[in-house]
Amino acid sequence: MRLRNAAAAAFGALTLVLTIPTSAIAAEGEFRYVYSGPDGSPQVGILENPVSGECFTLPEVADPGASSPAHSPRNRTDATAVVFTEPDCEGDWFSLRPHTGYGSERLKLRSVVFS
């Protein structure tokens, strides 16, 4: 009887472990960038706690034919941010270190990935 109860408990624990969803790992903190609004004025975009390993095409500058790229990124996350000159994490890239990484107005970007 004890063996049957132990087996049932072990099976229940295993089932519970297998059914608990795993959460995506996120870079904690903010990633900021500057882009031009519809009237040409500078606007600030923010990604909060972005998922690590996922490419983020910045929505405000996603279309190279319709908008100028974003610039002046500030990486205040706990992960390295790699910024790209093209959407979908393509083109030239530059790496920004965690917490203090930043780029000037000359650093243009349209997408970013965190590691």
C-alpha atoms as a PDB file:
ATOM      1  CA  MET A   1       0.000   0.000   0.000  1.00  0.00           C
ATOM      2  CA  ARG A   2       2.806   2.396   0.861  1.00  0.00           C
ATOM      3  CA  LEU A   3       4.540   1.654  -2.438  1.00  0.00           C
ATOM      4  CA  ARG A   4       1.362   2.477  -4.339  1.00  0.00           C
ATOM      5  CA  ASN A   5       0.967   5.807  -2.485  1.00  0.00           C
ATOM      6  CA  ALA A   6       4.616   6.708  -3.088  1.00  0.00           C
ATOM      7  CA  ALA A   7       4.297   5.871  -6.789  1.00  0.00           C
ATOM      8  CA  ALA A   8       1.123   7.948  -7.074  1.00  0.00           C
ATOM      9  CA  ALA A   9       2.782  10.884  -5.316  1.00  0.00           C
ATOM     10  CA  ALA A  10       5.853  10.657  -7.564  1.00  0.00           C
ATOM     11  CA  PHE A  11       3.680  10.483 -10.672  1.00  0.00           C
ATOM     12  CA  GLY A  12       1.676  13.513  -9.490  1.00  0.00           C
ATOM     13  CA  ALA A  13       4.831  15.524  -8.810  1.00  0.00           C
ATOM     14  CA  LEU A  14       6.255  14.639 -12.217  1.00  0.00           C
ATOM     15  CA  THR A  15       3.009  15.640 -13.930  1.00  0.00           C
ATOM     16  CA  LEU A  16       2.975  18.946 -12.066  1.00  0.00           C
ATOM     17  CA  VAL A  17       6.567  19.728 -13.041  1.00  0.00           C
ATOM     18  CA  LEU A  18       5.910  18.958 -16.700  1.00  0.00           C
ATOM     19  CA  THR A  19       2.744  21.077 -16.902  1.00  0.00           C
ATOM     20  CA  ILE A  20       4.044  24.264 -15.266  1.00  0.00           C
ATOM     21  CA  PRO A  21       4.763  26.712 -18.081  1.00  0.00           C
ATOM     22  CA  THR A  22       8.258  28.105 -18.238  1.00  0.00           C
ATOM     23  CA  SER A  23       8.616  31.838 -18.438  1.00  0.00           C
ATOM     24  CA  ALA A  24      10.776  33.562 -21.009  1.00  0.00           C
ATOM     25  CA  ILE A  25      13.961  35.085 -19.707  1.00  0.00           C
ATOM     26  CA  ALA A  26      13.839  38.848 -19.932  1.00  0.00           C
ATOM     27  CA  ALA A  27      16.505  41.484 -19.746  1.00  0.00           C
ATOM     28  CA  GLU A  28      15.501  43.578 -16.757  1.00  0.00           C
ATOM     29  CA  GLY A  29      15.447  47.330 -17.223  1.00  0.00           C
ATOM     30  CA  GLU A  30      14.812  49.845 -19.988  1.00  0.00           C
ATOM     31  CA  PHE A  31      16.224  50.325 -23.453  1.00  0.00           C
ATOM     32  CA  ARG A  32      15.647  53.837 -24.797  1.00  0.00           C
ATOM     33  CA  TYR A  33      16.099  55.326 -28.250  1.00  0.00           C
ATOM     34  CA  VAL A  34      15.206  58.540 -30.065  1.00  0.00           C
ATOM     35  CA  TYR A  35      13.232  58.694 -33.318  1.00  0.00           C
ATOM     36  CA  SER A  36      11.547  61.428 -35.344  1.00  0.00           C
ATOM     37  CA  GLY A  37       7.811  61.853 -34.824  1.00  0.00           C
ATOM     38  CA  PRO A  38       5.348  62.617 -37.660  1.00  0.00           C
ATOM     39  CA  ASP A  39       6.071  66.348 -37.345  1.00  0.00           C
ATOM     40  CA  GLY A  40       9.852  65.778 -37.235  1.00  0.00           C
ATOM     41  CA  SER A  41      10.179  66.421 -33.512  1.00  0.00           C
ATOM     42  CA  PRO A  42      12.323  64.016 -31.456  1.00  0.00           C
ATOM     43  CA  GLN A  43      10.386  61.293 -29.628  1.00  0.00           C
ATOM     44  CA  VAL A  44      11.653  58.733 -27.106  1.00  0.00           C
ATOM     45  CA  GLY A  45      10.882  55.046 -27.539  1.00  0.00           C
ATOM     46  CA  ILE A  46      11.231  52.581 -24.670  1.00  0.00           C
ATOM     47  CA  LEU A  47      11.455  48.801 -24.461  1.00  0.00           C
ATOM     48  CA  GLU A  48      10.843  47.615 -20.895  1.00  0.00           C
ATOM     49  CA  ASN A  49      12.133  44.234 -19.733  1.00  0.00           C
ATOM     50  CA  PRO A  50      12.621  42.913 -23.289  1.00  0.00           C
ATOM     51  CA  VAL A  51      12.799  39.160 -23.861  1.00  0.00           C
ATOM     52  CA  SER A  52      16.380  37.967 -24.303  1.00  0.00           C
ATOM     53  CA  GLY A  53      17.274  36.366 -27.618  1.00  0.00           C
ATOM     54  CA  GLU A  54      14.294  37.853 -29.478  1.00  0.00           C
ATOM     55  CA  CYS A  55      14.850  40.387 -32.238  1.00  0.00           C
ATOM     56  CA  PHE A  56      12.882  43.608 -31.766  1.00  0.00           C
ATOM     57  CA  THR A  57      12.308  45.695 -34.867  1.00  0.00           C
ATOM     58  CA  LEU A  58      11.534  49.169 -33.556  1.00  0.00           C
ATOM     59  CA  PRO A  59       7.980  49.873 -34.763  1.00  0.00           C
ATOM     60  CA  GLU A  60       8.455  53.601 -35.276  1.00  0.00           C
ATOM     61  CA  VAL A  61      11.334  53.077 -37.731  1.00  0.00           C
ATOM     62  CA  ALA A  62      10.550  49.642 -39.185  1.00  0.00           C
ATOM     63  CA  ASP A  63      10.029  50.864 -42.764  1.00  0.00           C
ATOM     64  CA  PRO A  64      13.329  52.140 -44.221  1.00  0.00           C
ATOM     65  CA  GLY A  65      11.452  53.804 -47.076  1.00  0.00           C
ATOM     66  CA  ALA A  66       9.119  55.794 -44.854  1.00  0.00           C
ATOM     67  CA  SER A  67      11.196  56.880 -41.872  1.00  0.00           C
ATOM     68  CA  SER A  68      14.689  57.782 -40.816  1.00  0.00           C
ATOM     69  CA  PRO A  69      16.364  55.373 -38.381  1.00  0.00           C
ATOM     70  CA  ALA A  70      16.326  55.788 -34.635  1.00  0.00           C
ATOM     71  CA  HIS A  71      19.470  57.005 -32.866  1.00  0.00           C
ATOM     72  CA  SER A  72      21.008  57.742 -29.456  1.00  0.00           C
ATOM     73  CA  PRO A  73      20.274  54.356 -27.832  1.00  0.00           C
ATOM     74  CA  ARG A  74      20.636  53.939 -24.061  1.00  0.00           C
ATOM     75  CA  ASN A  75      20.909  50.411 -22.681  1.00  0.00           C
ATOM     76  CA  ARG A  76      19.762  50.410 -19.060  1.00  0.00           C
ATOM     77  CA  THR A  77      19.013  46.673 -19.016  1.00  0.00           C
ATOM     78  CA  ASP A  78      21.093  43.985 -17.316  1.00  0.00           C
ATOM     79  CA  ALA A  79      21.886  42.367 -20.696  1.00  0.00           C
ATOM     80  CA  THR A  80      24.080  43.272 -23.639  1.00  0.00           C
ATOM     81  CA  ALA A  81      22.086  44.987 -26.403  1.00  0.00           C
ATOM     82  CA  VAL A  82      23.153  44.531 -30.003  1.00  0.00           C
ATOM     83  CA  VAL A  83      21.643  47.197 -32.262  1.00  0.00           C
ATOM     84  CA  PHE A  84      21.285  46.786 -36.037  1.00  0.00           C
ATOM     85  CA  THR A  85      20.997  49.296 -38.860  1.00  0.00           C
ATOM     86  CA  GLU A  86      18.213  47.334 -40.582  1.00  0.00           C
ATOM     87  CA  PRO A  87      14.905  45.720 -39.484  1.00  0.00           C
ATOM     88  CA  ASP A  88      14.893  42.060 -38.388  1.00  0.00           C
ATOM     89  CA  CYS A  89      18.375  42.329 -36.830  1.00  0.00           C
ATOM     90  CA  GLU A  90      20.145  42.610 -40.159  1.00  0.00           C
ATOM     91  CA  GLY A  91      22.787  44.975 -41.494  1.00  0.00           C
ATOM     92  CA  ASP A  92      25.661  46.519 -39.591  1.00  0.00           C
ATOM     93  CA  TRP A  93      25.598  46.099 -35.828  1.00  0.00           C
ATOM     94  CA  PHE A  94      27.016  47.587 -32.660  1.00  0.00           C
ATOM     95  CA  SER A  95      27.083  46.151 -29.154  1.00  0.00           C
ATOM     96  CA  LEU A  96      26.039  48.151 -26.063  1.00  0.00           C
ATOM     97  CA  ARG A  97      27.133  46.852 -22.654  1.00  0.00           C
ATOM     98  CA  PRO A  98      24.630  46.298 -19.821  1.00  0.00           C
ATOM     99  CA  HIS A  99      23.495  49.168 -17.560  1.00  0.00           C
ATOM    100  CA  THR A 100      25.707  51.912 -19.025  1.00  0.00           C
ATOM    101  CA  GLY A 101      25.893  51.290 -22.783  1.00  0.00           C
ATOM    102  CA  TYR A 102      24.925  54.201 -24.979  1.00  0.00           C
ATOM    103  CA  GLY A 103      25.365  55.559 -28.466  1.00  0.00           C
ATOM    104  CA  SER A 104      25.391  59.060 -29.859  1.00  0.00           C
ATOM    105  CA  GLU A 105      23.111  60.587 -32.443  1.00  0.00           C
ATOM    106  CA  ARG A 106      25.456  59.126 -35.082  1.00  0.00           C
ATOM    107  CA  LEU A 107      24.576  55.536 -34.086  1.00  0.00           C
ATOM    108  CA  LYS A 108      21.568  54.652 -36.272  1.00  0.00           C
ATOM    109  CA  LEU A 109      19.353  51.651 -35.550  1.00  0.00           C
ATOM    110  CA  ARG A 110      16.140  49.934 -36.628  1.00  0.00           C
ATOM    111  CA  SER A 111      16.272  46.749 -34.535  1.00  0.00           C
ATOM    112  CA  VAL A 112      17.866  45.306 -31.399  1.00  0.00           C
ATOM    113  CA  VAL A 113      18.425  41.959 -29.684  1.00  0.00           C
ATOM    114  CA  PHE A 114      19.388  41.336 -26.035  1.00  0.00           C
ATOM    115  CA  SER A 115      21.659  38.553 -24.768  1.00  0.00           C
END
